[in-house]
C-alpha atoms as a PDB file:
ATOM      1  CA  UNK A   1      91.423 112.511  65.876  1.00  0.00           C
ATOM      2  CA  UNK A   2      94.583 111.939  67.933  1.00  0.00           C
ATOM      3  CA  UNK A   3      94.663 114.245  70.953  1.00  0.00           C
ATOM      4  CA  UNK A   4      90.935 114.960  70.644  1.00  0.00           C
ATOM      5  CA  UNK A   5      88.951 115.520  73.858  1.00  0.00           C
ATOM      6  CA  UNK A   6      85.180 115.755  74.384  1.00  0.00           C
ATOM      7  CA  UNK A   7      83.739 119.223  74.789  1.00  0.00           C
ATOM      8  CA  UNK A   8      81.720 120.209  77.871  1.00  0.00           C
ATOM      9  CA  UNK A   9      78.033 120.872  78.234  1.00  0.00           C
ATOM     10  CA  UNK A  10      76.637 123.548  80.536  1.00  0.00           C
ATOM     11  CA  UNK A  11      77.882 122.977  84.051  1.00  0.00           C
ATOM     12  CA  UNK A  12      81.118 121.399  82.834  1.00  0.00           C
ATOM     13  CA  UNK A  13      79.755 117.883  82.298  1.00  0.00           C
ATOM     14  CA  UNK A  14      81.688 116.269  79.418  1.00  0.00           C
ATOM     15  CA  UNK A  15      79.976 114.934  76.341  1.00  0.00           C
ATOM     16  CA  UNK A  16      80.366 111.173  76.245  1.00  0.00           C
ATOM     17  CA  UNK A  17      83.091 110.237  73.812  1.00  0.00           C
ATOM     18  CA  UNK A  18      81.445 107.446  71.828  1.00  0.00           C
ATOM     19  CA  UNK A  19      78.168 109.343  71.521  1.00  0.00           C
ATOM     20  CA  UNK A  20      80.019 112.340  70.112  1.00  0.00           C
ATOM     21  CA  UNK A  21      81.996 110.128  67.762  1.00  0.00           C
ATOM     22  CA  UNK A  22      78.795 108.450  66.556  1.00  0.00           C
ATOM     23  CA  UNK A  23      77.042 111.774  65.998  1.00  0.00           C
ATOM     24  CA  UNK A  24      79.977 113.195  64.030  1.00  0.00           C
ATOM     25  CA  UNK A  25      80.666 110.109  61.886  1.00  0.00           C
ATOM     26  CA  UNK A  26      79.306 110.022  58.355  1.00  0.00           C
ATOM     27  CA  UNK A  27      79.590 106.238  58.043  1.00  0.00           C
ATOM     28  CA  UNK A  28      80.276 103.054  59.993  1.00  0.00           C
ATOM     29  CA  UNK A  29      83.782 103.053  58.535  1.00  0.00           C
ATOM     30  CA  UNK A  30      84.440 106.537  59.901  1.00  0.00           C
ATOM     31  CA  UNK A  31      83.091 105.496  63.306  1.00  0.00           C
ATOM     32  CA  UNK A  32      85.337 102.401  63.300  1.00  0.00           C
ATOM     33  CA  UNK A  33      88.394 104.489  62.426  1.00  0.00           C
ATOM     34  CA  UNK A  34      87.662 106.975  65.180  1.00  0.00           C
ATOM     35  CA  UNK A  35      87.005 104.229  67.701  1.00  0.00           C
ATOM     36  CA  UNK A  36      90.330 102.537  67.007  1.00  0.00           C
ATOM     37  CA  UNK A  37      92.152 105.859  67.177  1.00  0.00           C
ATOM     38  CA  UNK A  38      90.591 106.472  70.570  1.00  0.00           C
ATOM     39  CA  UNK A  39      91.745 103.073  71.873  1.00  0.00           C
ATOM     40  CA  UNK A  40      95.268 103.801  70.613  1.00  0.00           C
ATOM     41  CA  UNK A  41      95.173 107.184  72.346  1.00  0.00           C
ATOM     42  CA  UNK A  42      94.202 105.556  75.643  1.00  0.00           C
ATOM     43  CA  UNK A  43      96.968 102.960  75.332  1.00  0.00           C
ATOM     44  CA  UNK A  44      99.537 105.694  74.718  1.00  0.00           C
ATOM     45  CA  UNK A  45      98.506 107.417  77.938  1.00  0.00           C
ATOM     46  CA  UNK A  46      99.099 104.354  80.140  1.00  0.00           C
ATOM     47  CA  UNK A  47     101.675 104.532  82.912  1.00  0.00           C
ATOM     48  CA  UNK A  48     104.389 102.149  81.693  1.00  0.00           C
ATOM     49  CA  UNK A  49     106.170 102.301  85.051  1.00  0.00           C
ATOM     50  CA  UNK A  50     103.023 101.156  86.848  1.00  0.00           C
ATOM     51  CA  UNK A  51     102.655  98.309  84.359  1.00  0.00           C
ATOM     52  CA  UNK A  52     106.272  97.305  84.983  1.00  0.00           C
ATOM     53  CA  UNK A  53     105.646  97.284  88.743  1.00  0.00           C
ATOM     54  CA  UNK A  54     102.591  95.082  88.231  1.00  0.00           C
ATOM     55  CA  UNK A  55     104.621  92.639  86.133  1.00  0.00           C
ATOM     56  CA  UNK A  56     107.345  92.551  88.785  1.00  0.00           C
ATOM     57  CA  UNK A  57     104.811  91.905  91.546  1.00  0.00           C
ATOM     58  CA  UNK A  58     103.182  89.025  89.663  1.00  0.00           C
ATOM     59  CA  UNK A  59     106.596  87.503  88.954  1.00  0.00           C
ATOM     60  CA  UNK A  60     107.772  87.936  92.543  1.00  0.00           C
ATOM     61  CA  UNK A  61     104.619  86.351  93.951  1.00  0.00           C
ATOM     62  CA  UNK A  62     104.875  83.445  91.515  1.00  0.00           C
ATOM     63  CA  UNK A  63     108.499  82.751  92.438  1.00  0.00           C
ATOM     64  CA  UNK A  64     107.466  82.675  96.106  1.00  0.00           C
ATOM     65  CA  UNK A  65     104.779  80.090  95.375  1.00  0.00           C
ATOM     66  CA  UNK A  66     101.940  82.557  95.829  1.00  0.00           C
ATOM     67  CA  UNK A  67      98.690  82.730  93.874  1.00  0.00           C
ATOM     68  CA  UNK A  68      97.402  85.404  91.484  1.00  0.00           C
ATOM     69  CA  UNK A  69      93.638  85.954  91.755  1.00  0.00           C
ATOM     70  CA  UNK A  70      91.687  88.025  89.212  1.00  0.00           C
ATOM     71  CA  UNK A  71      88.186  89.482  89.594  1.00  0.00           C
ATOM     72  CA  UNK A  72      85.829  91.490  87.401  1.00  0.00           C
ATOM     73  CA  UNK A  73      82.300  91.645  85.997  1.00  0.00           C
ATOM     74  CA  UNK A  74      80.945  91.313  82.468  1.00  0.00           C
ATOM     75  CA  UNK A  75      83.531  92.148  79.833  1.00  0.00           C
ATOM     76  CA  UNK A  76      86.116  92.596  82.555  1.00  0.00           C
ATOM     77  CA  UNK A  77      85.347  89.072  83.763  1.00  0.00           C
ATOM     78  CA  UNK A  78      86.003  87.817  80.234  1.00  0.00           C
ATOM     79  CA  UNK A  79      89.387  89.565  80.300  1.00  0.00           C
ATOM     80  CA  UNK A  80      90.268  87.876  83.603  1.00  0.00           C
ATOM     81  CA  UNK A  81      89.491  84.457  82.120  1.00  0.00           C
ATOM     82  CA  UNK A  82      91.653  85.142  79.061  1.00  0.00           C
ATOM     83  CA  UNK A  83      94.396  86.581  81.266  1.00  0.00           C
ATOM     84  CA  UNK A  84      94.531  83.442  83.419  1.00  0.00           C
ATOM     85  CA  UNK A  85      94.542  81.282  80.295  1.00  0.00           C
ATOM     86  CA  UNK A  86      97.699  83.030  79.089  1.00  0.00           C
ATOM     87  CA  UNK A  87      99.330  83.489  82.484  1.00  0.00           C
ATOM     88  CA  UNK A  88      99.033  79.930  83.804  1.00  0.00           C
ATOM     89  CA  UNK A  89      99.227  76.829  81.609  1.00  0.00           C
ATOM     90  CA  UNK A  90     100.133  78.735  78.443  1.00  0.00           C
ATOM     91  CA  UNK A  91     103.244  80.206  80.094  1.00  0.00           C
ATOM     92  CA  UNK A  92     104.623  76.867  81.294  1.00  0.00           C
ATOM     93  CA  UNK A  93     108.320  76.266  80.747  1.00  0.00           C
ATOM     94  CA  UNK A  94     109.990  72.927  81.441  1.00  0.00           C
ATOM     95  CA  UNK A  95     111.874  72.929  84.731  1.00  0.00           C
ATOM     96  CA  UNK A  96     110.210  76.119  86.030  1.00  0.00           C
ATOM     97  CA  UNK A  97     107.225  76.438  88.364  1.00  0.00           C
ATOM     98  CA  UNK A  98     103.960  77.541  86.819  1.00  0.00           C
ATOM     99  CA  UNK A  99     102.317  80.869  87.556  1.00  0.00           C
ATOM    100  CA  UNK A 100      99.402  79.767  89.721  1.00  0.00           C
ATOM    101  CA  UNK A 101      96.492  82.025  88.776  1.00  0.00           C
ATOM    102  CA  UNK A 102      92.711  81.871  88.901  1.00  0.00           C
ATOM    103  CA  UNK A 103      89.789  84.010  87.758  1.00  0.00           C
ATOM    104  CA  UNK A 104      87.153  84.072  90.482  1.00  0.00           C
ATOM    105  CA  UNK A 105      84.589  84.930  87.799  1.00  0.00           C
ATOM    106  CA  UNK A 106      84.916  81.483  86.213  1.00  0.00           C
ATOM    107  CA  UNK A 107      83.028  79.270  88.683  1.00  0.00           C
ATOM    108  CA  UNK A 108      79.352  79.916  88.011  1.00  0.00           C
ATOM    109  CA  UNK A 109      78.318  77.440  90.723  1.00  0.00           C
ATOM    110  CA  UNK A 110      80.222  79.337  93.421  1.00  0.00           C
ATOM    111  CA  UNK A 111      79.091  82.717  92.123  1.00  0.00           C
ATOM    112  CA  UNK A 112      75.400  81.813  92.013  1.00  0.00           C
ATOM    113  CA  UNK A 113      75.477  80.010  95.374  1.00  0.00           C
ATOM    114  CA  UNK A 114      77.128  82.953  97.133  1.00  0.00           C
ATOM    115  CA  UNK A 115      74.906  85.485  95.354  1.00  0.00           C
ATOM    116  CA  UNK A 116      71.807  83.507  96.334  1.00  0.00           C
ATOM    117  CA  UNK A 117      72.794  83.062  99.976  1.00  0.00           C
ATOM    118  CA  UNK A 118      74.800  86.188 100.803  1.00  0.00           C
ATOM    119  CA  UNK A 119      74.258  88.678  97.977  1.00  0.00           C
ATOM    120  CA  UNK A 120      76.060  89.364  94.703  1.00  0.00           C
ATOM    121  CA  UNK A 121      78.233  91.942  96.427  1.00  0.00           C
ATOM    122  CA  UNK A 122      80.038  89.113  98.242  1.00  0.00           C
ATOM    123  CA  UNK A 123      80.774  86.731  95.361  1.00  0.00           C
ATOM    124  CA  UNK A 124      84.485  87.592  95.263  1.00  0.00           C
ATOM    125  CA  UNK A 125      85.161  88.346  98.928  1.00  0.00           C
ATOM    126  CA  UNK A 126      83.776  84.970  99.999  1.00  0.00           C
ATOM    127  CA  UNK A 127      85.879  83.083  97.460  1.00  0.00           C
ATOM    128  CA  UNK A 128      88.956  84.977  98.627  1.00  0.00           C
ATOM    129  CA  UNK A 129      88.108  84.149 102.231  1.00  0.00           C
ATOM    130  CA  UNK A 130      88.158  80.486 101.294  1.00  0.00           C
ATOM    131  CA  UNK A 131      91.289  80.523  99.129  1.00  0.00           C
ATOM    132  CA  UNK A 132      93.537  83.557  99.617  1.00  0.00           C
ATOM    133  CA  UNK A 133      96.700  83.384 101.713  1.00  0.00           C
ATOM    134  CA  UNK A 134      99.045  86.107 102.915  1.00  0.00           C
ATOM    135  CA  UNK A 135     101.279  87.301 100.081  1.00  0.00           C
ATOM    136  CA  UNK A 136      98.876  86.366  97.298  1.00  0.00           C
ATOM    137  CA  UNK A 137      98.121  88.976  94.624  1.00  0.00           C
ATOM    138  CA  UNK A 138      94.646  90.196  93.664  1.00  0.00           C
ATOM    139  CA  UNK A 139      94.196  91.893  90.280  1.00  0.00           C
ATOM    140  CA  UNK A 140      90.831  93.672  90.285  1.00  0.00           C
ATOM    141  CA  UNK A 141      89.242  94.980  87.082  1.00  0.00           C
ATOM    142  CA  UNK A 142      86.382  97.491  87.057  1.00  0.00           C
ATOM    143  CA  UNK A 143      85.645  99.991  84.302  1.00  0.00           C
ATOM    144  CA  UNK A 144      83.810 102.308  86.707  1.00  0.00           C
ATOM    145  CA  UNK A 145      86.030 101.511  89.665  1.00  0.00           C
ATOM    146  CA  UNK A 146      82.894 101.235  91.796  1.00  0.00           C
ATOM    147  CA  UNK A 147      81.582  97.676  91.349  1.00  0.00           C
ATOM    148  CA  UNK A 148      80.613  96.681  94.881  1.00  0.00           C
ATOM    149  CA  UNK A 149      81.626  93.031  94.591  1.00  0.00           C
ATOM    150  CA  UNK A 150      85.055  94.052  93.275  1.00  0.00           C
ATOM    151  CA  UNK A 151      85.442  96.653  96.034  1.00  0.00           C
ATOM    152  CA  UNK A 152      84.594  94.106  98.724  1.00  0.00           C
ATOM    153  CA  UNK A 153      87.084  91.653  97.254  1.00  0.00           C
ATOM    154  CA  UNK A 154      89.819  94.285  97.401  1.00  0.00           C
ATOM    155  CA  UNK A 155      88.844  95.218 100.954  1.00  0.00           C
ATOM    156  CA  UNK A 156      89.211  91.594 102.016  1.00  0.00           C
ATOM    157  CA  UNK A 157      92.592  91.222 100.321  1.00  0.00           C
ATOM    158  CA  UNK A 158      93.895  94.489 101.787  1.00  0.00           C
ATOM    159  CA  UNK A 159      93.037  93.412 105.324  1.00  0.00           C
ATOM    160  CA  UNK A 160      94.314  89.825 105.026  1.00  0.00           C
ATOM    161  CA  UNK A 161      97.843  90.243 103.738  1.00  0.00           C
ATOM    162  CA  UNK A 162      97.164  90.324 100.008  1.00  0.00           C
ATOM    163  CA  UNK A 163      98.706  92.702  97.484  1.00  0.00           C
ATOM    164  CA  UNK A 164      96.060  94.504  95.416  1.00  0.00           C
ATOM    165  CA  UNK A 165      96.413  95.784  91.855  1.00  0.00           C
ATOM    166  CA  UNK A 166      93.518  97.722  90.347  1.00  0.00           C
ATOM    167  CA  UNK A 167      92.745  98.255  86.663  1.00  0.00           C
ATOM    168  CA  UNK A 168      90.051 100.900  86.222  1.00  0.00           C
ATOM    169  CA  UNK A 169      88.570 103.372  83.754  1.00  0.00           C
ATOM    170  CA  UNK A 170      86.308 106.443  83.894  1.00  0.00           C
ATOM    171  CA  UNK A 171      87.392 108.593  86.867  1.00  0.00           C
ATOM    172  CA  UNK A 172      88.962 105.667  88.701  1.00  0.00           C
ATOM    173  CA  UNK A 173      86.250 105.362  91.340  1.00  0.00           C
ATOM    174  CA  UNK A 174      86.901 103.836  94.738  1.00  0.00           C
ATOM    175  CA  UNK A 175      89.106 101.135  93.243  1.00  0.00           C
ATOM    176  CA  UNK A 176      91.782 103.628  92.182  1.00  0.00           C
ATOM    177  CA  UNK A 177      92.078 104.925  95.743  1.00  0.00           C
ATOM    178  CA  UNK A 178      92.118 101.656  97.638  1.00  0.00           C
ATOM    179  CA  UNK A 179      94.504  99.423  95.677  1.00  0.00           C
ATOM    180  CA  UNK A 180      98.188  99.291  96.490  1.00  0.00           C
ATOM    181  CA  UNK A 181      98.972  99.714  92.782  1.00  0.00           C
ATOM    182  CA  UNK A 182      96.589 101.201  90.233  1.00  0.00           C
ATOM    183  CA  UNK A 183      96.625 101.303  86.442  1.00  0.00           C
ATOM    184  CA  UNK A 184      94.043 103.910  85.461  1.00  0.00           C
ATOM    185  CA  UNK A 185      92.557 104.472  81.999  1.00  0.00           C
ATOM    186  CA  UNK A 186      90.808 107.881  82.297  1.00  0.00           C
ATOM    187  CA  UNK A 187      87.744 108.102  80.027  1.00  0.00           C
ATOM    188  CA  UNK A 188      84.257 109.512  79.758  1.00  0.00           C
ATOM    189  CA  UNK A 189      81.305 107.495  81.021  1.00  0.00           C
ATOM    190  CA  UNK A 190      80.300 105.634  77.860  1.00  0.00           C
ATOM    191  CA  UNK A 191      83.694 104.115  77.063  1.00  0.00           C
ATOM    192  CA  UNK A 192      83.190 100.620  78.472  1.00  0.00           C
ATOM    193  CA  UNK A 193      84.390  99.062  75.222  1.00  0.00           C
ATOM    194  CA  UNK A 194      87.602 101.082  74.895  1.00  0.00           C
ATOM    195  CA  UNK A 195      88.507 100.518  78.564  1.00  0.00           C
ATOM    196  CA  UNK A 196      87.905  96.771  78.306  1.00  0.00           C
ATOM    197  CA  UNK A 197      89.983  96.726  75.114  1.00  0.00           C
ATOM    198  CA  UNK A 198      92.832  98.350  77.044  1.00  0.00           C
ATOM    199  CA  UNK A 199      92.371  95.792  79.842  1.00  0.00           C
ATOM    200  CA  UNK A 200      92.792  93.025  77.266  1.00  0.00           C
ATOM    201  CA  UNK A 201      95.979  94.620  75.931  1.00  0.00           C
ATOM    202  CA  UNK A 202      97.307  94.962  79.487  1.00  0.00           C
ATOM    203  CA  UNK A 203      96.697  91.274  80.117  1.00  0.00           C
ATOM    204  CA  UNK A 204      98.676  90.370  76.983  1.00  0.00           C
ATOM    205  CA  UNK A 205     101.543  92.676  77.960  1.00  0.00           C
ATOM    206  CA  UNK A 206     101.838  91.119  81.431  1.00  0.00           C
ATOM    207  CA  UNK A 207     101.455  87.496  80.358  1.00  0.00           C
ATOM    208  CA  UNK A 208     103.505  87.859  77.179  1.00  0.00           C
ATOM    209  CA  UNK A 209     106.426  89.552  78.909  1.00  0.00           C
ATOM    210  CA  UNK A 210     106.561  86.981  81.700  1.00  0.00           C
ATOM    211  CA  UNK A 211     106.232  84.081  79.261  1.00  0.00           C
ATOM    212  CA  UNK A 212     109.126  85.273  77.141  1.00  0.00           C
ATOM    213  CA  UNK A 213     111.212  86.159  80.191  1.00  0.00           C
ATOM    214  CA  UNK A 214     110.841  82.536  81.268  1.00  0.00           C
ATOM    215  CA  UNK A 215     112.323  81.483  77.927  1.00  0.00           C
ATOM    216  CA  UNK A 216     109.215  80.518  76.016  1.00  0.00           C
ATOM    217  CA  UNK A 217     108.452  82.101  72.657  1.00  0.00           C
ATOM    218  CA  UNK A 218     104.927  83.182  71.797  1.00  0.00           C
ATOM    219  CA  UNK A 219     105.026  81.452  68.399  1.00  0.00           C
ATOM    220  CA  UNK A 220     104.074  77.794  67.959  1.00  0.00           C
END
């Protein structure tokens, strides 16, 4: 299945990848194999230079005492929480400053209060307004690239001295166009799972590289 692309329906609209895979699979095992091959294909298409620039920006900001903020919804929010877990306390090395990082999807009290009072579209922008300083980094995850609360968070960071890094899937959406650095995973419109899987791998690449560069091994 490597190199496989979805065919087009009338009018050029692509068949959704997972639906086509499901329809063509003769068993759950065959579907699983095809799914994993698709994730591998997407990983192989990533821009390694863009990933390296993202790693360098996170490291530079950390060394300057700046903060890394992460935002996302649903499965992407789960990735931001895991990312911060690995990037902050789990990358600590004696005698070196920690990488100060936070997922703004983690505080349910703040999210529900802001959503109740000012609308869900503002749950990240308002938290950034309270906490972000010039030179901080915002890593924004959105499979569609069009989640309004993520877009508003990026807009705030862009206009208040932050550096914005976008991770997006599908066609990239607005997020791909508005971030200062974008890592795009191009997919059809039903590939939420594969894109979020790639997001998780990206988070491990960034955190793992920086942890080992600081002199800490990943083994225990």
